[in-house]
Amino acid sequence: MMNVTLDGWDPDAQLTIPLINVWRSCSQRELGVAITLPHGTSVELLEHKGRRVKIRHGDATGYVTDYFIREFK
């Protein structure tokens, strides 16, 4: 697997989202957040399908959209 970087920079709003939620499920938000990580954190890329990206950081695994991955911007 490869490492990628969480990126909270929003060019439209000209601001950085400092904390990024990593969701337990990409389709069932009611399952909650697996972990919240700061902008710039290196994570392990497990899967990338469409806009959905499955990542791991330590013992936590979850999903973000590709919008929050620096290497996909």
Protein backbone atom coordinates (compact mmCIF):
# COMPACT_ATOMS: atom_id res chain seq x y z
CA MET A 1 0.00 0.00 0.00
CA MET A 2 1.04 3.61 -0.42
CA ASN A 3 0.87 6.59 1.88
CA VAL A 4 -1.11 9.71 0.98
CA THR A 5 -1.62 13.03 2.75
CA LEU A 6 -4.87 14.41 4.15
CA ASP A 7 -5.42 17.89 2.74
CA GLY A 8 -8.08 20.22 4.09
CA TRP A 9 -7.26 23.14 1.75
CA ASP A 10 -10.43 24.51 0.12
CA PRO A 11 -9.39 26.76 -2.79
CA ASP A 12 -12.92 28.09 -3.31
CA ALA A 13 -13.23 29.33 0.28
CA GLN A 14 -9.51 30.15 0.54
CA LEU A 15 -9.20 28.38 3.89
CA THR A 16 -7.89 25.17 5.37
CA ILE A 17 -10.16 22.75 7.19
CA PRO A 18 -7.91 21.95 10.17
CA LEU A 19 -9.54 18.65 11.24
CA ILE A 20 -10.84 16.01 8.83
CA ASN A 21 -13.38 13.37 9.85
CA VAL A 22 -12.66 9.82 8.74
CA TRP A 23 -16.02 8.02 8.62
CA ARG A 24 -16.61 4.38 9.60
CA SER A 25 -18.80 3.91 6.51
CA CYS A 26 -18.97 5.92 3.30
CA SER A 27 -22.69 5.25 2.82
CA GLN A 28 -23.96 5.16 6.41
CA ARG A 29 -22.85 8.34 8.19
CA GLU A 30 -25.01 7.38 11.17
CA LEU A 31 -22.29 4.87 12.10
CA GLY A 32 -20.19 7.86 13.06
CA VAL A 33 -16.60 8.97 12.80
CA ALA A 34 -13.78 6.43 13.17
CA ILE A 35 -11.16 9.11 13.85
CA THR A 36 -10.57 12.82 13.30
CA LEU A 37 -7.14 13.73 11.91
CA PRO A 38 -5.39 17.04 11.32
CA HIS A 39 -4.70 18.52 7.89
CA GLY A 40 -1.33 17.26 6.65
CA THR A 41 -1.49 13.83 8.30
CA SER A 42 0.05 10.95 6.36
CA VAL A 43 -2.31 7.96 6.06
CA GLU A 44 -2.20 4.58 4.36
CA LEU A 45 -4.30 4.33 1.18
CA LEU A 46 -6.24 1.06 1.16
CA GLU A 47 -8.71 1.61 -1.69
CA HIS A 48 -9.85 4.30 -4.12
CA LYS A 49 -13.17 3.80 -5.92
CA GLY A 50 -14.81 6.77 -7.59
CA ARG A 51 -14.74 9.60 -5.05
CA ARG A 52 -14.50 7.22 -2.07
CA VAL A 53 -11.11 6.63 -0.46
CA LYS A 54 -10.55 4.02 2.24
CA ILE A 55 -7.63 4.87 4.52
CA ARG A 56 -5.90 3.63 7.67
CA HIS A 57 -4.12 5.55 10.39
CA GLY A 58 -2.83 3.44 13.26
CA ASP A 59 -5.64 1.11 14.34
CA ALA A 60 -8.39 3.25 12.75
CA THR A 61 -9.78 2.50 9.29
CA GLY A 62 -12.40 4.57 7.49
CA TYR A 63 -13.42 6.69 4.52
CA VAL A 64 -12.97 10.21 3.19
CA THR A 65 -13.77 11.65 -0.22
CA ASP A 66 -10.88 12.09 -2.63
CA TYR A 67 -11.32 15.85 -2.16
CA PHE A 68 -9.35 15.46 1.11
CA ILE A 69 -6.36 13.63 -0.44
CA ARG A 70 -3.55 15.91 -1.60
CA GLU A 71 -2.29 13.47 -4.22
CA PHE A 72 -5.72 13.41 -5.93
CA LYS A 73 -6.18 17.19 -6.19
